Amino acid sequence: MTSLADKIADYCQEKGLRNSFRRVQVAGLLERATEPVSAEELWILLRQEEFQMSIGAVYVALAWLVEAGFARKIPGHDRTFRYALPA
């Protein structure tokens, strides 16, 4: 089975895009999540794992992952979007 990081690398190569370490880190956390998570929750998890990334960079990575089809954006009842891998 191909890992999500490998799928992202293949996608970037096919599209002629740079494969961003930040995208892969955010995608890796989504892959490990057992339920949809908010951008802020992902940012906190990244900081706990000692990855220096701004909350803005997390949002940019999530937007790219959603647009490329690697993640889905789920509206929450508290006006906060949550993110998860596609079903």
C-alpha atoms as a PDB file:
ATOM      1  CA  MET A   1       0.000   0.000   0.000  1.00  0.00           C
ATOM      2  CA  THR A   2       1.339   3.422  -0.958  1.00  0.00           C
ATOM      3  CA  SER A   3       1.749   5.923   1.878  1.00  0.00           C
ATOM      4  CA  LEU A   4       0.069   9.309   1.781  1.00  0.00           C
ATOM      5  CA  ALA A   5       3.494  10.983   1.600  1.00  0.00           C
ATOM      6  CA  ASP A   6       4.301   8.909  -1.498  1.00  0.00           C
ATOM      7  CA  LYS A   7       0.952   9.799  -3.087  1.00  0.00           C
ATOM      8  CA  ILE A   8       1.609  13.494  -2.470  1.00  0.00           C
ATOM      9  CA  ALA A   9       5.126  13.179  -3.938  1.00  0.00           C
ATOM     10  CA  ASP A  10       3.754  11.423  -7.031  1.00  0.00           C
ATOM     11  CA  TYR A  11       1.018  14.054  -7.427  1.00  0.00           C
ATOM     12  CA  CYS A  12       3.537  16.898  -7.176  1.00  0.00           C
ATOM     13  CA  GLN A  13       5.843  15.250  -9.692  1.00  0.00           C
ATOM     14  CA  GLU A  14       2.973  14.710 -12.161  1.00  0.00           C
ATOM     15  CA  LYS A  15       1.830  18.331 -11.816  1.00  0.00           C
ATOM     16  CA  GLY A  16       5.329  19.814 -11.808  1.00  0.00           C
ATOM     17  CA  LEU A  17       4.916  21.160  -8.273  1.00  0.00           C
ATOM     18  CA  ARG A  18       7.380  21.382  -5.421  1.00  0.00           C
ATOM     19  CA  ASN A  19       6.779  18.724  -2.773  1.00  0.00           C
ATOM     20  CA  SER A  20       6.511  20.711   0.457  1.00  0.00           C
ATOM     21  CA  PHE A  21       7.776  19.239   3.718  1.00  0.00           C
ATOM     22  CA  ARG A  22       5.049  21.177   5.555  1.00  0.00           C
ATOM     23  CA  ARG A  23       2.263  19.648   3.470  1.00  0.00           C
ATOM     24  CA  VAL A  24       3.632  16.186   4.153  1.00  0.00           C
ATOM     25  CA  GLN A  25       3.846  16.863   7.906  1.00  0.00           C
ATOM     26  CA  VAL A  26       0.253  18.119   8.062  1.00  0.00           C
ATOM     27  CA  ALA A  27      -0.923  15.190   5.928  1.00  0.00           C
ATOM     28  CA  GLY A  28       0.913  12.777   8.224  1.00  0.00           C
ATOM     29  CA  LEU A  29      -0.968  14.113  11.233  1.00  0.00           C
ATOM     30  CA  LEU A  30      -4.268  13.798   9.375  1.00  0.00           C
ATOM     31  CA  GLU A  31      -3.327  10.231   8.507  1.00  0.00           C
ATOM     32  CA  ARG A  32      -2.770   9.416  12.194  1.00  0.00           C
ATOM     33  CA  ALA A  33      -5.874  11.232  13.456  1.00  0.00           C
ATOM     34  CA  THR A  34      -8.729   9.015  14.594  1.00  0.00           C
ATOM     35  CA  GLU A  35     -11.334  11.736  14.016  1.00  0.00           C
ATOM     36  CA  PRO A  36     -11.557  15.022  12.091  1.00  0.00           C
ATOM     37  CA  VAL A  37      -9.344  17.754  13.572  1.00  0.00           C
ATOM     38  CA  SER A  38      -9.230  21.543  13.334  1.00  0.00           C
ATOM     39  CA  ALA A  39      -6.307  23.514  11.953  1.00  0.00           C
ATOM     40  CA  GLU A  40      -5.553  24.760  15.455  1.00  0.00           C
ATOM     41  CA  GLU A  41      -5.473  21.204  16.833  1.00  0.00           C
ATOM     42  CA  LEU A  42      -3.065  20.212  14.055  1.00  0.00           C
ATOM     43  CA  TRP A  43      -0.891  23.248  14.797  1.00  0.00           C
ATOM     44  CA  ILE A  44      -0.729  22.303  18.492  1.00  0.00           C
ATOM     45  CA  LEU A  45       0.193  18.705  17.606  1.00  0.00           C
ATOM     46  CA  LEU A  46       2.933  19.941  15.269  1.00  0.00           C
ATOM     47  CA  ARG A  47       4.378  22.140  17.999  1.00  0.00           C
ATOM     48  CA  GLN A  48       4.270  19.224  20.462  1.00  0.00           C
ATOM     49  CA  GLU A  49       6.326  17.236  17.954  1.00  0.00           C
ATOM     50  CA  GLU A  50       8.709  20.216  17.771  1.00  0.00           C
ATOM     51  CA  PHE A  51       7.890  21.241  14.199  1.00  0.00           C
ATOM     52  CA  GLN A  52       8.139  25.006  13.870  1.00  0.00           C
ATOM     53  CA  MET A  53       5.226  26.027  11.681  1.00  0.00           C
ATOM     54  CA  SER A  54       2.896  29.006  11.898  1.00  0.00           C
ATOM     55  CA  ILE A  55      -0.857  28.541  12.103  1.00  0.00           C
ATOM     56  CA  GLY A  56      -1.025  30.314   8.734  1.00  0.00           C
ATOM     57  CA  ALA A  57       1.253  27.695   7.186  1.00  0.00           C
ATOM     58  CA  VAL A  58      -1.031  24.975   8.565  1.00  0.00           C
ATOM     59  CA  TYR A  59      -4.028  26.628   6.881  1.00  0.00           C
ATOM     60  CA  VAL A  60      -2.119  26.937   3.595  1.00  0.00           C
ATOM     61  CA  ALA A  61      -1.104  23.260   3.726  1.00  0.00           C
ATOM     62  CA  LEU A  62      -4.666  22.197   4.539  1.00  0.00           C
ATOM     63  CA  ALA A  63      -6.107  24.290   1.694  1.00  0.00           C
ATOM     64  CA  TRP A  64      -3.669  22.665  -0.726  1.00  0.00           C
ATOM     65  CA  LEU A  65      -4.440  19.160   0.579  1.00  0.00           C
ATOM     66  CA  VAL A  66      -8.188  19.779   0.208  1.00  0.00           C
ATOM     67  CA  GLU A  67      -7.819  21.244  -3.291  1.00  0.00           C
ATOM     68  CA  ALA A  68      -5.623  18.332  -4.401  1.00  0.00           C
ATOM     69  CA  GLY A  69      -8.104  15.792  -2.995  1.00  0.00           C
ATOM     70  CA  PHE A  70      -5.901  14.454  -0.198  1.00  0.00           C
ATOM     71  CA  ALA A  71      -8.103  15.840   2.590  1.00  0.00           C
ATOM     72  CA  ARG A  72     -11.664  16.957   3.104  1.00  0.00           C
ATOM     73  CA  LYS A  73     -12.940  20.059   4.861  1.00  0.00           C
ATOM     74  CA  ILE A  74     -15.873  19.452   7.197  1.00  0.00           C
ATOM     75  CA  PRO A  75     -17.955  22.354   8.549  1.00  0.00           C
ATOM     76  CA  GLY A  76     -18.428  22.145  12.308  1.00  0.00           C
ATOM     77  CA  HIS A  77     -21.307  23.281  14.464  1.00  0.00           C
ATOM     78  CA  ASP A  78     -19.007  25.717  16.278  1.00  0.00           C
ATOM     79  CA  ARG A  79     -18.083  27.605  13.054  1.00  0.00           C
ATOM     80  CA  THR A  80     -14.748  25.793  13.003  1.00  0.00           C
ATOM     81  CA  PHE A  81     -13.812  23.621  10.063  1.00  0.00           C
ATOM     82  CA  ARG A  82     -12.387  20.196  10.723  1.00  0.00           C
ATOM     83  CA  TYR A  83     -10.196  18.220   8.375  1.00  0.00           C
ATOM     84  CA  ALA A  84      -9.869  14.508   7.666  1.00  0.00           C
ATOM     85  CA  LEU A  85      -8.695  12.155   4.976  1.00  0.00           C
ATOM     86  CA  PRO A  86     -11.277  11.386   2.273  1.00  0.00           C
ATOM     87  CA  ALA A  87     -13.621   8.551   3.162  1.00  0.00           C
END
